[in-house]
Amino acid sequence: MGGLKYYERTKLLIELIEKERTGSPKDLAGKLGLKERMIYNLIDDLTLVLGKDVCYCKEKKSYIFSKKPD
């Protein structure tokens, strides 16, 4: 994946998580044009870089940010 494309997808992923509008992992993969496995990799990257946990909320049907405990 090219650097710019990766950046754009990561930026869109952050926006969708902040708005709590990602949908299921399969839905999110479709929105970003990726395979579902890459979604999990991107989420792992975000967790490391941003210092926030990203988890799936079944009630909201979206990924959400939660702060890591210190």
N, C-alpha and C. Protein backbone atom coordinates (compact mmCIF):
# COMPACT_ATOMS: atom_id res chain seq x y z
N MET A 1 0.87 -1.18 0.00
CA MET A 1 0.00 0.00 0.00
C MET A 1 0.90 1.23 0.00
N GLY A 2 0.64 2.17 -0.91
CA GLY A 2 1.43 3.38 -1.01
C GLY A 2 1.25 4.28 0.21
N GLY A 3 2.25 5.12 0.47
CA GLY A 3 2.24 5.97 1.64
C GLY A 3 1.05 6.92 1.70
N LEU A 4 0.74 7.57 0.59
CA LEU A 4 -0.36 8.53 0.56
C LEU A 4 -1.70 7.83 0.75
N LYS A 5 -1.87 6.70 0.07
CA LYS A 5 -3.12 5.95 0.20
C LYS A 5 -3.30 5.48 1.64
N TYR A 6 -2.22 5.01 2.25
CA TYR A 6 -2.26 4.56 3.64
C TYR A 6 -2.68 5.71 4.56
N TYR A 7 -2.08 6.88 4.34
CA TYR A 7 -2.39 8.07 5.14
C TYR A 7 -3.86 8.45 4.98
N GLU A 8 -4.34 8.48 3.75
CA GLU A 8 -5.74 8.87 3.49
C GLU A 8 -6.71 7.89 4.14
N ARG A 9 -6.42 6.60 4.02
CA ARG A 9 -7.29 5.59 4.64
C ARG A 9 -7.25 5.69 6.15
N THR A 10 -6.07 5.92 6.71
CA THR A 10 -5.94 6.04 8.16
C THR A 10 -6.70 7.27 8.65
N LYS A 11 -6.59 8.37 7.93
CA LYS A 11 -7.30 9.60 8.30
C LYS A 11 -8.81 9.38 8.26
N LEU A 12 -9.29 8.72 7.20
CA LEU A 12 -10.72 8.42 7.09
C LEU A 12 -11.16 7.48 8.22
N LEU A 13 -10.33 6.50 8.53
CA LEU A 13 -10.65 5.58 9.62
C LEU A 13 -10.79 6.33 10.95
N ILE A 14 -9.89 7.24 11.23
CA ILE A 14 -9.96 8.03 12.47
C ILE A 14 -11.25 8.84 12.50
N GLU A 15 -11.59 9.48 11.39
CA GLU A 15 -12.82 10.27 11.33
C GLU A 15 -14.05 9.41 11.57
N LEU A 16 -14.09 8.23 10.96
CA LEU A 16 -15.24 7.34 11.14
C LEU A 16 -15.34 6.85 12.59
N ILE A 17 -14.20 6.56 13.20
CA ILE A 17 -14.21 6.11 14.60
C ILE A 17 -14.68 7.25 15.50
N GLU A 18 -14.19 8.46 15.28
CA GLU A 18 -14.60 9.60 16.11
C GLU A 18 -16.10 9.85 15.99
N LYS A 19 -16.66 9.65 14.80
CA LYS A 19 -18.09 9.86 14.59
C LYS A 19 -18.92 8.63 14.96
N GLU A 20 -18.21 7.55 15.31
CA GLU A 20 -18.84 6.27 15.66
C GLU A 20 -19.75 5.79 14.53
N ARG A 21 -19.18 5.80 13.30
CA ARG A 21 -19.93 5.41 12.11
C ARG A 21 -19.15 4.43 11.24
N THR A 22 -18.40 3.53 11.88
CA THR A 22 -17.60 2.59 11.09
C THR A 22 -18.42 1.42 10.57
N GLY A 23 -19.42 1.00 11.31
CA GLY A 23 -20.13 -0.22 10.97
C GLY A 23 -19.31 -1.42 11.40
N SER A 24 -19.71 -2.58 10.95
CA SER A 24 -18.99 -3.81 11.31
C SER A 24 -17.62 -3.82 10.61
N PRO A 25 -16.73 -4.71 11.03
CA PRO A 25 -15.43 -4.80 10.34
C PRO A 25 -15.60 -5.05 8.84
N LYS A 26 -16.56 -5.87 8.47
CA LYS A 26 -16.80 -6.15 7.05
C LYS A 26 -17.28 -4.88 6.33
N ASP A 27 -18.20 -4.13 6.96
CA ASP A 27 -18.68 -2.88 6.38
C ASP A 27 -17.55 -1.87 6.22
N LEU A 28 -16.73 -1.77 7.26
CA LEU A 28 -15.61 -0.83 7.25
C LEU A 28 -14.61 -1.19 6.16
N ALA A 29 -14.35 -2.46 5.99
CA ALA A 29 -13.44 -2.90 4.93
C ALA A 29 -13.97 -2.45 3.57
N GLY A 30 -15.27 -2.56 3.36
CA GLY A 30 -15.88 -2.11 2.11
C GLY A 30 -15.76 -0.60 1.92
N LYS A 31 -15.94 0.16 3.00
CA LYS A 31 -15.85 1.62 2.91
C LYS A 31 -14.44 2.07 2.55
N LEU A 32 -13.43 1.35 3.08
CA LEU A 32 -12.05 1.75 2.85
C LEU A 32 -11.41 1.03 1.66
N GLY A 33 -12.13 0.11 1.06
CA GLY A 33 -11.59 -0.63 -0.08
C GLY A 33 -10.47 -1.57 0.31
N LEU A 34 -10.58 -2.18 1.48
CA LEU A 34 -9.55 -3.09 1.99
C LEU A 34 -10.16 -4.44 2.32
N LYS A 35 -9.29 -5.40 2.55
CA LYS A 35 -9.75 -6.68 3.07
C LYS A 35 -9.92 -6.53 4.58
N GLU A 36 -10.78 -7.35 5.14
CA GLU A 36 -11.08 -7.25 6.57
C GLU A 36 -9.82 -7.38 7.43
N ARG A 37 -8.90 -8.24 7.02
CA ARG A 37 -7.65 -8.43 7.78
C ARG A 37 -6.87 -7.12 7.89
N MET A 38 -6.86 -6.31 6.82
CA MET A 38 -6.14 -5.03 6.86
C MET A 38 -6.78 -4.05 7.83
N ILE A 39 -8.09 -4.16 8.02
CA ILE A 39 -8.77 -3.30 9.00
C ILE A 39 -8.19 -3.55 10.39
N TYR A 40 -8.04 -4.83 10.71
CA TYR A 40 -7.48 -5.16 12.03
C TYR A 40 -6.05 -4.65 12.16
N ASN A 41 -5.27 -4.72 11.09
CA ASN A 41 -3.90 -4.19 11.12
C ASN A 41 -3.90 -2.68 11.31
N LEU A 42 -4.78 -1.97 10.60
CA LEU A 42 -4.87 -0.51 10.75
C LEU A 42 -5.27 -0.12 12.18
N ILE A 43 -6.19 -0.86 12.74
CA ILE A 43 -6.64 -0.57 14.10
C ILE A 43 -5.52 -0.81 15.10
N ASP A 44 -4.75 -1.86 14.89
CA ASP A 44 -3.58 -2.11 15.75
C ASP A 44 -2.58 -0.97 15.64
N ASP A 45 -2.34 -0.48 14.42
CA ASP A 45 -1.44 0.66 14.22
C ASP A 45 -1.94 1.90 14.95
N LEU A 46 -3.23 2.17 14.86
CA LEU A 46 -3.80 3.34 15.54
C LEU A 46 -3.62 3.24 17.05
N THR A 47 -3.82 2.06 17.57
CA THR A 47 -3.67 1.85 19.02
C THR A 47 -2.26 2.21 19.45
N LEU A 48 -1.27 1.79 18.68
CA LEU A 48 0.12 2.08 19.03
C LEU A 48 0.46 3.56 18.87
N VAL A 49 0.04 4.15 17.77
CA VAL A 49 0.41 5.53 17.46
C VAL A 49 -0.33 6.55 18.32
N LEU A 50 -1.63 6.36 18.49
CA LEU A 50 -2.44 7.35 19.20
C LEU A 50 -2.47 7.15 20.71
N GLY A 51 -2.09 5.98 21.17
CA GLY A 51 -2.14 5.71 22.60
C GLY A 51 -3.54 5.57 23.14
N LYS A 52 -4.47 5.21 22.27
CA LYS A 52 -5.86 5.00 22.67
C LYS A 52 -6.26 3.59 22.24
N ASP A 53 -7.06 2.95 23.04
CA ASP A 53 -7.60 1.66 22.64
C ASP A 53 -8.72 1.89 21.63
N VAL A 54 -8.80 1.01 20.68
CA VAL A 54 -9.89 1.03 19.71
C VAL A 54 -10.61 -0.31 19.87
N CYS A 55 -11.89 -0.23 20.19
CA CYS A 55 -12.64 -1.47 20.38
C CYS A 55 -13.98 -1.37 19.65
N TYR A 56 -14.54 -2.53 19.37
CA TYR A 56 -15.83 -2.58 18.68
C TYR A 56 -16.95 -2.58 19.71
N CYS A 57 -17.91 -1.68 19.56
CA CYS A 57 -19.06 -1.58 20.45
C CYS A 57 -20.26 -2.17 19.72
N LYS A 58 -20.76 -3.28 20.24
CA LYS A 58 -21.90 -3.95 19.60
C LYS A 58 -23.16 -3.08 19.66
N GLU A 59 -23.34 -2.32 20.73
CA GLU A 59 -24.53 -1.47 20.87
C GLU A 59 -24.55 -0.38 19.81
N LYS A 60 -23.39 0.24 19.56
CA LYS A 60 -23.31 1.33 18.59
C LYS A 60 -23.02 0.81 17.18
N LYS A 61 -22.68 -0.46 17.09
CA LYS A 61 -22.30 -1.08 15.82
C LYS A 61 -21.20 -0.27 15.13
N SER A 62 -20.18 0.06 15.93
CA SER A 62 -19.07 0.86 15.43
C SER A 62 -17.85 0.66 16.31
N TYR A 63 -16.69 0.91 15.71
CA TYR A 63 -15.48 0.99 16.52
C TYR A 63 -15.50 2.32 17.26
N ILE A 64 -14.94 2.33 18.46
CA ILE A 64 -14.87 3.55 19.26
C ILE A 64 -13.48 3.66 19.89
N PHE A 65 -13.11 4.88 20.24
CA PHE A 65 -11.86 5.12 20.96
C PHE A 65 -12.14 5.04 22.46
N SER A 66 -11.24 4.45 23.19
CA SER A 66 -11.28 4.50 24.65
C SER A 66 -9.86 4.71 25.12
N LYS A 67 -9.70 5.50 26.17
CA LYS A 67 -8.37 5.81 26.66
C LYS A 67 -7.74 4.61 27.32
N LYS A 68 -6.44 4.43 27.07
CA LYS A 68 -5.72 3.36 27.76
C LYS A 68 -5.51 3.76 29.21
N PRO A 69 -5.67 2.83 30.14
CA PRO A 69 -5.39 3.17 31.53
C PRO A 69 -3.90 3.40 31.73
N ASP A 70 -3.55 4.36 32.58
CA ASP A 70 -2.13 4.68 32.84
C ASP A 70 -1.49 3.68 33.76
